[in-house]
């Protein structure tokens, strides 16, 4: 998110964009005994919803997926509907 945020700031400064698609709040940052006010990107701080977290494929589905990428049917024979990966 921080890289994308920096990109949007650059695009705004160069006149390619009119606004950032992020919301911010103010916070105090303390470092080496000095503090300063900073903007905090709320997109970075939010906790993802359960449906968007990374999940691993079940072993049986993983094998089916790998066969499909190779152009094979679920039983391992050639898939007649496969026309290449590109």
PDB file of N, CA and C in Angstrom:
ATOM      1  N   UNK A   1       0.811  -1.191   0.000  1.00  0.00           N
ATOM      2  CA  UNK A   1       0.000   0.000   0.000  1.00  0.00           C
ATOM      3  C   UNK A   1       0.858   1.259   0.000  1.00  0.00           C
ATOM      4  N   UNK A   2       1.955   1.212   0.730  1.00  0.00           N
ATOM      5  CA  UNK A   2       2.765   2.417   0.821  1.00  0.00           C
ATOM      6  C   UNK A   2       3.366   2.783  -0.536  1.00  0.00           C
ATOM      7  N   UNK A   3       3.764   1.805  -1.326  1.00  0.00           N
ATOM      8  CA  UNK A   3       4.318   2.080  -2.650  1.00  0.00           C
ATOM      9  C   UNK A   3       3.252   2.686  -3.552  1.00  0.00           C
ATOM     10  N   UNK A   4       2.053   2.120  -3.508  1.00  0.00           N
ATOM     11  CA  UNK A   4       0.954   2.651  -4.309  1.00  0.00           C
ATOM     12  C   UNK A   4       0.591   4.065  -3.885  1.00  0.00           C
ATOM     13  N   UNK A   5       0.629   4.314  -2.592  1.00  0.00           N
ATOM     14  CA  UNK A   5       0.358   5.649  -2.067  1.00  0.00           C
ATOM     15  C   UNK A   5       1.405   6.655  -2.581  1.00  0.00           C
ATOM     16  N   UNK A   6       2.674   6.252  -2.560  1.00  0.00           N
ATOM     17  CA  UNK A   6       3.733   7.126  -3.073  1.00  0.00           C
ATOM     18  C   UNK A   6       3.563   7.390  -4.568  1.00  0.00           C
ATOM     19  N   UNK A   7       3.139   6.359  -5.296  1.00  0.00           N
ATOM     20  CA  UNK A   7       2.889   6.539  -6.724  1.00  0.00           C
ATOM     21  C   UNK A   7       1.803   7.582  -6.956  1.00  0.00           C
ATOM     22  N   UNK A   8       0.711   7.494  -6.191  1.00  0.00           N
ATOM     23  CA  UNK A   8      -0.370   8.465  -6.354  1.00  0.00           C
ATOM     24  C   UNK A   8       0.081   9.872  -5.985  1.00  0.00           C
ATOM     25  N   UNK A   9       0.899  10.008  -4.952  1.00  0.00           N
ATOM     26  CA  UNK A   9       1.414  11.349  -4.603  1.00  0.00           C
ATOM     27  C   UNK A   9       2.241  11.915  -5.746  1.00  0.00           C
ATOM     28  N   UNK A  10       3.073  11.066  -6.361  1.00  0.00           N
ATOM     29  CA  UNK A  10       3.863  11.512  -7.508  1.00  0.00           C
ATOM     30  C   UNK A  10       2.937  11.922  -8.655  1.00  0.00           C
ATOM     31  N   UNK A  11       1.923  11.095  -8.946  1.00  0.00           N
ATOM     32  CA  UNK A  11       1.002  11.384 -10.040  1.00  0.00           C
ATOM     33  C   UNK A  11       0.254  12.693  -9.797  1.00  0.00           C
ATOM     34  N   UNK A  12      -0.113  12.976  -8.569  1.00  0.00           N
ATOM     35  CA  UNK A  12      -0.788  14.243  -8.247  1.00  0.00           C
ATOM     36  C   UNK A  12       0.166  15.409  -8.461  1.00  0.00           C
ATOM     37  N   UNK A  13       1.395  15.275  -7.981  1.00  0.00           N
ATOM     38  CA  UNK A  13       2.380  16.356  -8.151  1.00  0.00           C
ATOM     39  C   UNK A  13       2.700  16.629  -9.615  1.00  0.00           C
ATOM     40  N   UNK A  14       2.670  15.585 -10.448  1.00  0.00           N
ATOM     41  CA  UNK A  14       2.962  15.737 -11.874  1.00  0.00           C
ATOM     42  C   UNK A  14       1.722  16.103 -12.696  1.00  0.00           C
ATOM     43  N   UNK A  15       0.551  16.120 -12.066  1.00  0.00           N
ATOM     44  CA  UNK A  15      -0.667  16.495 -12.761  1.00  0.00           C
ATOM     45  C   UNK A  15      -1.374  15.352 -13.477  1.00  0.00           C
ATOM     46  N   UNK A  16      -0.976  14.100 -13.219  1.00  0.00           N
ATOM     47  CA  UNK A  16      -1.611  12.942 -13.854  1.00  0.00           C
ATOM     48  C   UNK A  16      -2.853  12.469 -13.100  1.00  0.00           C
ATOM     49  N   UNK A  17      -2.975  12.811 -11.839  1.00  0.00           N
ATOM     50  CA  UNK A  17      -4.125  12.424 -11.025  1.00  0.00           C
ATOM     51  C   UNK A  17      -4.571  13.621 -10.203  1.00  0.00           C
ATOM     52  N   UNK A  18      -5.830  13.592  -9.796  1.00  0.00           N
ATOM     53  CA  UNK A  18      -6.356  14.713  -9.010  1.00  0.00           C
ATOM     54  C   UNK A  18      -6.492  14.390  -7.532  1.00  0.00           C
ATOM     55  N   UNK A  19      -6.505  13.105  -7.178  1.00  0.00           N
ATOM     56  CA  UNK A  19      -6.664  12.725  -5.772  1.00  0.00           C
ATOM     57  C   UNK A  19      -6.152  11.304  -5.548  1.00  0.00           C
ATOM     58  N   UNK A  20      -5.886  10.992  -4.290  1.00  0.00           N
ATOM     59  CA  UNK A  20      -5.500   9.636  -3.899  1.00  0.00           C
ATOM     60  C   UNK A  20      -6.748   8.840  -3.541  1.00  0.00           C
ATOM     61  N   UNK A  21      -6.759   7.547  -3.819  1.00  0.00           N
ATOM     62  CA  UNK A  21      -7.924   6.733  -3.476  1.00  0.00           C
ATOM     63  C   UNK A  21      -7.865   6.179  -2.054  1.00  0.00           C
ATOM     64  N   UNK A  22      -7.087   6.814  -1.178  1.00  0.00           N
ATOM     65  CA  UNK A  22      -6.924   6.348   0.191  1.00  0.00           C
ATOM     66  C   UNK A  22      -7.433   7.384   1.174  1.00  0.00           C
ATOM     67  N   UNK A  23      -7.783   6.918   2.362  1.00  0.00           N
ATOM     68  CA  UNK A  23      -8.139   7.836   3.437  1.00  0.00           C
ATOM     69  C   UNK A  23      -7.022   7.802   4.473  1.00  0.00           C
ATOM     70  N   UNK A  24      -6.825   8.934   5.117  1.00  0.00           N
ATOM     71  CA  UNK A  24      -5.746   9.079   6.094  1.00  0.00           C
ATOM     72  C   UNK A  24      -6.293   9.615   7.399  1.00  0.00           C
ATOM     73  N   UNK A  25      -5.531   9.406   8.463  1.00  0.00           N
ATOM     74  CA  UNK A  25      -5.795  10.071   9.727  1.00  0.00           C
ATOM     75  C   UNK A  25      -4.460  10.576  10.252  1.00  0.00           C
ATOM     76  N   UNK A  26      -4.513  11.523  11.148  1.00  0.00           N
ATOM     77  CA  UNK A  26      -3.295  12.079  11.737  1.00  0.00           C
ATOM     78  C   UNK A  26      -2.874  11.250  12.937  1.00  0.00           C
ATOM     79  N   UNK A  27      -1.563  11.151  13.133  1.00  0.00           N
ATOM     80  CA  UNK A  27      -1.011  10.427  14.271  1.00  0.00           C
ATOM     81  C   UNK A  27       0.271  11.104  14.701  1.00  0.00           C
ATOM     82  N   UNK A  28       0.733  10.780  15.894  1.00  0.00           N
ATOM     83  CA  UNK A  28       2.001  11.307  16.396  1.00  0.00           C
ATOM     84  C   UNK A  28       3.027  10.185  16.325  1.00  0.00           C
ATOM     85  N   UNK A  29       4.165  10.443  15.684  1.00  0.00           N
ATOM     86  CA  UNK A  29       5.242   9.466  15.596  1.00  0.00           C
ATOM     87  C   UNK A  29       6.364   9.891  16.533  1.00  0.00           C
ATOM     88  N   UNK A  30       6.837   8.969  17.338  1.00  0.00           N
ATOM     89  CA  UNK A  30       7.914   9.243  18.288  1.00  0.00           C
ATOM     90  C   UNK A  30       9.138   8.439  17.883  1.00  0.00           C
ATOM     91  N   UNK A  31      10.251   9.139  17.649  1.00  0.00           N
ATOM     92  CA  UNK A  31      11.483   8.469  17.269  1.00  0.00           C
ATOM     93  C   UNK A  31      12.660   9.212  17.894  1.00  0.00           C
ATOM     94  N   UNK A  32      13.501   8.495  18.623  1.00  0.00           N
ATOM     95  CA  UNK A  32      14.706   9.046  19.254  1.00  0.00           C
ATOM     96  C   UNK A  32      14.383  10.268  20.113  1.00  0.00           C
ATOM     97  N   UNK A  33      13.283  10.191  20.836  1.00  0.00           N
ATOM     98  CA  UNK A  33      12.937  11.264  21.756  1.00  0.00           C
ATOM     99  C   UNK A  33      12.241  12.462  21.137  1.00  0.00           C
ATOM    100  N   UNK A  34      12.061  12.481  19.825  1.00  0.00           N
ATOM    101  CA  UNK A  34      11.349  13.587  19.185  1.00  0.00           C
ATOM    102  C   UNK A  34      10.077  13.044  18.552  1.00  0.00           C
ATOM    103  N   UNK A  35       9.049  13.877  18.569  1.00  0.00           N
ATOM    104  CA  UNK A  35       7.813  13.440  17.945  1.00  0.00           C
ATOM    105  C   UNK A  35       7.399  14.424  16.870  1.00  0.00           C
ATOM    106  N   UNK A  36       6.619  13.925  15.952  1.00  0.00           N
ATOM    107  CA  UNK A  36       6.114  14.763  14.871  1.00  0.00           C
ATOM    108  C   UNK A  36       4.763  14.228  14.416  1.00  0.00           C
ATOM    109  N   UNK A  37       4.002  15.051  13.749  1.00  0.00           N
ATOM    110  CA  UNK A  37       2.707  14.635  13.234  1.00  0.00           C
ATOM    111  C   UNK A  37       2.903  13.973  11.875  1.00  0.00           C
ATOM    112  N   UNK A  38       2.243  12.826  11.672  1.00  0.00           N
ATOM    113  CA  UNK A  38       2.342  12.093  10.414  1.00  0.00           C
ATOM    114  C   UNK A  38       0.943  11.723   9.939  1.00  0.00           C
ATOM    115  N   UNK A  39       0.841  11.424   8.634  1.00  0.00           N
ATOM    116  CA  UNK A  39      -0.401  10.910   8.067  1.00  0.00           C
ATOM    117  C   UNK A  39      -0.310   9.385   8.050  1.00  0.00           C
ATOM    118  N   UNK A  40      -1.376   8.722   8.482  1.00  0.00           N
ATOM    119  CA  UNK A  40      -1.416   7.264   8.501  1.00  0.00           C
ATOM    120  C   UNK A  40      -2.440   6.805   7.479  1.00  0.00           C
ATOM    121  N   UNK A  41      -2.001   5.987   6.533  1.00  0.00           N
ATOM    122  CA  UNK A  41      -2.877   5.455   5.509  1.00  0.00           C
ATOM    123  C   UNK A  41      -3.749   4.374   6.152  1.00  0.00           C
ATOM    124  N   UNK A  42      -5.057   4.574   6.162  1.00  0.00           N
ATOM    125  CA  UNK A  42      -5.956   3.625   6.811  1.00  0.00           C
ATOM    126  C   UNK A  42      -6.036   2.299   6.059  1.00  0.00           C
ATOM    127  N   UNK A  43      -5.712   2.280   4.783  1.00  0.00           N
ATOM    128  CA  UNK A  43      -5.726   1.020   4.033  1.00  0.00           C
ATOM    129  C   UNK A  43      -4.674   0.063   4.573  1.00  0.00           C
ATOM    130  N   UNK A  44      -3.581   0.579   5.096  1.00  0.00           N
ATOM    131  CA  UNK A  44      -2.526  -0.249   5.643  1.00  0.00           C
ATOM    132  C   UNK A  44      -2.917  -0.784   7.010  1.00  0.00           C
ATOM    133  N   UNK A  45      -3.679  -0.038   7.762  1.00  0.00           N
ATOM    134  CA  UNK A  45      -3.996  -0.398   9.135  1.00  0.00           C
ATOM    135  C   UNK A  45      -5.194  -1.324   9.273  1.00  0.00           C
ATOM    136  N   UNK A  46      -6.025  -1.393   8.267  1.00  0.00           N
ATOM    137  CA  UNK A  46      -7.224  -2.217   8.373  1.00  0.00           C
ATOM    138  C   UNK A  46      -6.885  -3.697   8.395  1.00  0.00           C
ATOM    139  N   UNK A  47      -7.665  -4.450   9.124  1.00  0.00           N
ATOM    140  CA  UNK A  47      -7.519  -5.903   9.146  1.00  0.00           C
ATOM    141  C   UNK A  47      -8.355  -6.472   8.016  1.00  0.00           C
ATOM    142  N   UNK A  48      -7.793  -7.371   7.210  1.00  0.00           N
ATOM    143  CA  UNK A  48      -8.574  -7.918   6.099  1.00  0.00           C
ATOM    144  C   UNK A  48      -9.753  -8.745   6.593  1.00  0.00           C
ATOM    145  N   UNK A  49     -10.799  -8.754   5.817  1.00  0.00           N
ATOM    146  CA  UNK A  49     -11.973  -9.569   6.128  1.00  0.00           C
ATOM    147  C   UNK A  49     -11.618 -11.040   5.883  1.00  0.00           C
ATOM    148  N   UNK A  50     -12.295 -11.952   6.570  1.00  0.00           N
ATOM    149  CA  UNK A  50     -11.930 -13.379   6.439  1.00  0.00           C
ATOM    150  C   UNK A  50     -11.950 -13.908   5.010  1.00  0.00           C
ATOM    151  N   UNK A  51     -12.827 -13.399   4.160  1.00  0.00           N
ATOM    152  CA  UNK A  51     -12.918 -13.951   2.811  1.00  0.00           C
ATOM    153  C   UNK A  51     -11.782 -13.502   1.892  1.00  0.00           C
ATOM    154  N   UNK A  52     -10.953 -12.548   2.311  1.00  0.00           N
ATOM    155  CA  UNK A  52      -9.849 -12.108   1.454  1.00  0.00           C
ATOM    156  C   UNK A  52      -8.485 -12.541   1.980  1.00  0.00           C
ATOM    157  N   UNK A  53      -8.445 -13.275   3.067  1.00  0.00           N
ATOM    158  CA  UNK A  53      -7.161 -13.742   3.564  1.00  0.00           C
ATOM    159  C   UNK A  53      -6.687 -14.913   2.707  1.00  0.00           C
ATOM    160  N   UNK A  54      -5.396 -15.155   2.724  1.00  0.00           N
ATOM    161  CA  UNK A  54      -4.819 -16.225   1.910  1.00  0.00           C
ATOM    162  C   UNK A  54      -5.223 -17.574   2.489  1.00  0.00           C
ATOM    163  N   UNK A  55      -5.694 -18.421   1.635  1.00  0.00           N
ATOM    164  CA  UNK A  55      -6.034 -19.782   2.029  1.00  0.00           C
ATOM    165  C   UNK A  55      -5.257 -20.722   1.121  1.00  0.00           C
ATOM    166  N   UNK A  56      -4.910 -21.855   1.651  1.00  0.00           N
ATOM    167  CA  UNK A  56      -4.174 -22.824   0.869  1.00  0.00           C
ATOM    168  C   UNK A  56      -5.148 -23.814   0.247  1.00  0.00           C
ATOM    169  N   UNK A  57      -4.806 -24.293  -0.930  1.00  0.00           N
ATOM    170  CA  UNK A  57      -5.661 -25.248  -1.624  1.00  0.00           C
ATOM    171  C   UNK A  57      -5.608 -26.602  -0.933  1.00  0.00           C
ATOM    172  N   UNK A  58      -6.733 -27.268  -0.904  1.00  0.00           N
ATOM    173  CA  UNK A  58      -6.774 -28.630  -0.376  1.00  0.00           C
ATOM    174  C   UNK A  58      -5.961 -29.527  -1.308  1.00  0.00           C
ATOM    175  N   UNK A  59      -5.320 -30.555  -0.783  1.00  0.00           N
ATOM    176  CA  UNK A  59      -4.458 -31.405  -1.613  1.00  0.00           C
ATOM    177  C   UNK A  59      -5.154 -31.988  -2.854  1.00  0.00           C
ATOM    178  N   UNK A  60      -6.409 -32.430  -2.725  1.00  0.00           N
ATOM    179  CA  UNK A  60      -7.078 -33.000  -3.892  1.00  0.00           C
ATOM    180  C   UNK A  60      -7.359 -31.939  -4.949  1.00  0.00           C
ATOM    181  N   UNK A  61      -7.682 -30.727  -4.531  1.00  0.00           N
ATOM    182  CA  UNK A  61      -7.918 -29.659  -5.486  1.00  0.00           C
ATOM    183  C   UNK A  61      -6.604 -29.203  -6.116  1.00  0.00           C
ATOM    184  N   UNK A  62      -5.527 -29.224  -5.339  1.00  0.00           N
ATOM    185  CA  UNK A  62      -4.217 -28.850  -5.871  1.00  0.00           C
ATOM    186  C   UNK A  62      -3.838 -29.759  -7.035  1.00  0.00           C
ATOM    187  N   UNK A  63      -4.048 -31.055  -6.860  1.00  0.00           N
ATOM    188  CA  UNK A  63      -3.725 -32.011  -7.926  1.00  0.00           C
ATOM    189  C   UNK A  63      -4.604 -31.780  -9.154  1.00  0.00           C
ATOM    190  N   UNK A  64      -5.887 -31.530  -8.949  1.00  0.00           N
ATOM    191  CA  UNK A  64      -6.804 -31.246 -10.052  1.00  0.00           C
ATOM    192  C   UNK A  64      -6.368 -29.979 -10.796  1.00  0.00           C
ATOM    193  N   UNK A  65      -5.970 -28.945 -10.056  1.00  0.00           N
ATOM    194  CA  UNK A  65      -5.508 -27.688 -10.646  1.00  0.00           C
ATOM    195  C   UNK A  65      -4.248 -27.915 -11.481  1.00  0.00           C
ATOM    196  N   UNK A  66      -3.310 -28.687 -10.955  1.00  0.00           N
ATOM    197  CA  UNK A  66      -2.075 -28.968 -11.688  1.00  0.00           C
ATOM    198  C   UNK A  66      -2.348 -29.753 -12.961  1.00  0.00           C
ATOM    199  N   UNK A  67      -3.271 -30.704 -12.892  1.00  0.00           N
ATOM    200  CA  UNK A  67      -3.633 -31.457 -14.099  1.00  0.00           C
ATOM    201  C   UNK A  67      -4.255 -30.525 -15.131  1.00  0.00           C
ATOM    202  N   UNK A  68      -5.120 -29.634 -14.692  1.00  0.00           N
ATOM    203  CA  UNK A  68      -5.747 -28.682 -15.607  1.00  0.00           C
ATOM    204  C   UNK A  68      -4.729 -27.785 -16.291  1.00  0.00           C
ATOM    205  N   UNK A  69      -3.698 -27.361 -15.572  1.00  0.00           N
ATOM    206  CA  UNK A  69      -2.654 -26.532 -16.183  1.00  0.00           C
ATOM    207  C   UNK A  69      -1.861 -27.302 -17.234  1.00  0.00           C
ATOM    208  N   UNK A  70      -1.760 -28.604 -17.062  1.00  0.00           N
ATOM    209  CA  UNK A  70      -1.031 -29.435 -18.034  1.00  0.00           C
ATOM    210  C   UNK A  70      -1.917 -29.881 -19.192  1.00  0.00           C
ATOM    211  N   UNK A  71      -3.206 -29.528 -19.146  1.00  0.00           N
ATOM    212  CA  UNK A  71      -4.104 -29.929 -20.221  1.00  0.00           C
ATOM    213  C   UNK A  71      -4.639 -31.329 -20.047  1.00  0.00           C
ATOM    214  N   UNK A  72      -4.720 -31.788 -18.796  1.00  0.00           N
ATOM    215  CA  UNK A  72      -5.205 -33.126 -18.517  1.00  0.00           C
ATOM    216  C   UNK A  72      -6.603 -33.061 -17.896  1.00  0.00           C
ATOM    217  N   UNK A  73      -7.394 -34.078 -18.121  1.00  0.00           N
ATOM    218  CA  UNK A  73      -8.709 -34.212 -17.488  1.00  0.00           C
ATOM    219  C   UNK A  73      -8.502 -34.678 -16.047  1.00  0.00           C
ATOM    220  N   UNK A  74      -9.545 -34.625 -15.207  1.00  0.00           N
ATOM    221  CA  UNK A  74      -9.392 -35.066 -13.816  1.00  0.00           C
ATOM    222  C   UNK A  74      -8.874 -36.493 -13.660  1.00  0.00           C
ATOM    223  N   UNK A  75      -9.146 -37.364 -14.637  1.00  0.00           N
ATOM    224  CA  UNK A  75      -8.652 -38.746 -14.541  1.00  0.00           C
ATOM    225  C   UNK A  75      -7.222 -38.911 -15.062  1.00  0.00           C
ATOM    226  N   UNK A  76      -6.601 -37.832 -15.547  1.00  0.00           N
ATOM    227  CA  UNK A  76      -5.220 -37.871 -16.030  1.00  0.00           C
ATOM    228  C   UNK A  76      -5.075 -38.047 -17.518  1.00  0.00           C
ATOM    229  N   UNK A  77      -6.172 -38.267 -18.238  1.00  0.00           N
ATOM    230  CA  UNK A  77      -6.107 -38.399 -19.699  1.00  0.00           C
ATOM    231  C   UNK A  77      -6.069 -37.005 -20.339  1.00  0.00           C
ATOM    232  N   UNK A  78      -5.723 -36.971 -21.620  1.00  0.00           N
ATOM    233  CA  UNK A  78      -5.689 -35.694 -22.340  1.00  0.00           C
ATOM    234  C   UNK A  78      -7.075 -35.054 -22.364  1.00  0.00           C
ATOM    235  N   UNK A  79      -7.151 -33.760 -22.057  1.00  0.00           N
ATOM    236  CA  UNK A  79      -8.418 -33.028 -22.093  1.00  0.00           C
ATOM    237  C   UNK A  79      -8.629 -32.534 -23.514  1.00  0.00           C
ATOM    238  N   UNK A  80      -9.694 -33.000 -24.164  1.00  0.00           N
ATOM    239  CA  UNK A  80      -9.942 -32.625 -25.564  1.00  0.00           C
ATOM    240  C   UNK A  80     -10.356 -31.160 -25.699  1.00  0.00           C
ATOM    241  N   UNK A  81     -10.808 -30.533 -24.643  1.00  0.00           N
ATOM    242  CA  UNK A  81     -11.200 -29.126 -24.715  1.00  0.00           C
ATOM    243  C   UNK A  81     -10.063 -28.169 -24.406  1.00  0.00           C
ATOM    244  N   UNK A  82      -8.880 -28.690 -24.109  1.00  0.00           N
ATOM    245  CA  UNK A  82      -7.743 -27.845 -23.762  1.00  0.00           C
ATOM    246  C   UNK A  82      -7.103 -27.282 -25.028  1.00  0.00           C
ATOM    247  N   UNK A  83      -6.928 -25.965 -25.071  1.00  0.00           N
ATOM    248  CA  UNK A  83      -6.348 -25.302 -26.251  1.00  0.00           C
ATOM    249  C   UNK A  83      -5.063 -24.562 -25.933  1.00  0.00           C
ATOM    250  N   UNK A  84      -4.365 -24.951 -24.916  1.00  0.00           N
ATOM    251  CA  UNK A  84      -3.107 -24.315 -24.558  1.00  0.00           C
ATOM    252  C   UNK A  84      -3.302 -23.270 -23.471  1.00  0.00           C
ATOM    253  N   UNK A  85      -2.215 -22.928 -22.800  1.00  0.00           N
ATOM    254  CA  UNK A  85      -2.284 -21.982 -21.687  1.00  0.00           C
ATOM    255  C   UNK A  85      -2.327 -20.546 -22.172  1.00  0.00           C
ATOM    256  N   UNK A  86      -2.009 -20.282 -23.411  1.00  0.00           N
ATOM    257  CA  UNK A  86      -1.997 -18.906 -23.881  1.00  0.00           C
ATOM    258  C   UNK A  86      -3.158 -18.720 -24.795  1.00  0.00           C
TER     259      UNK A  86
END
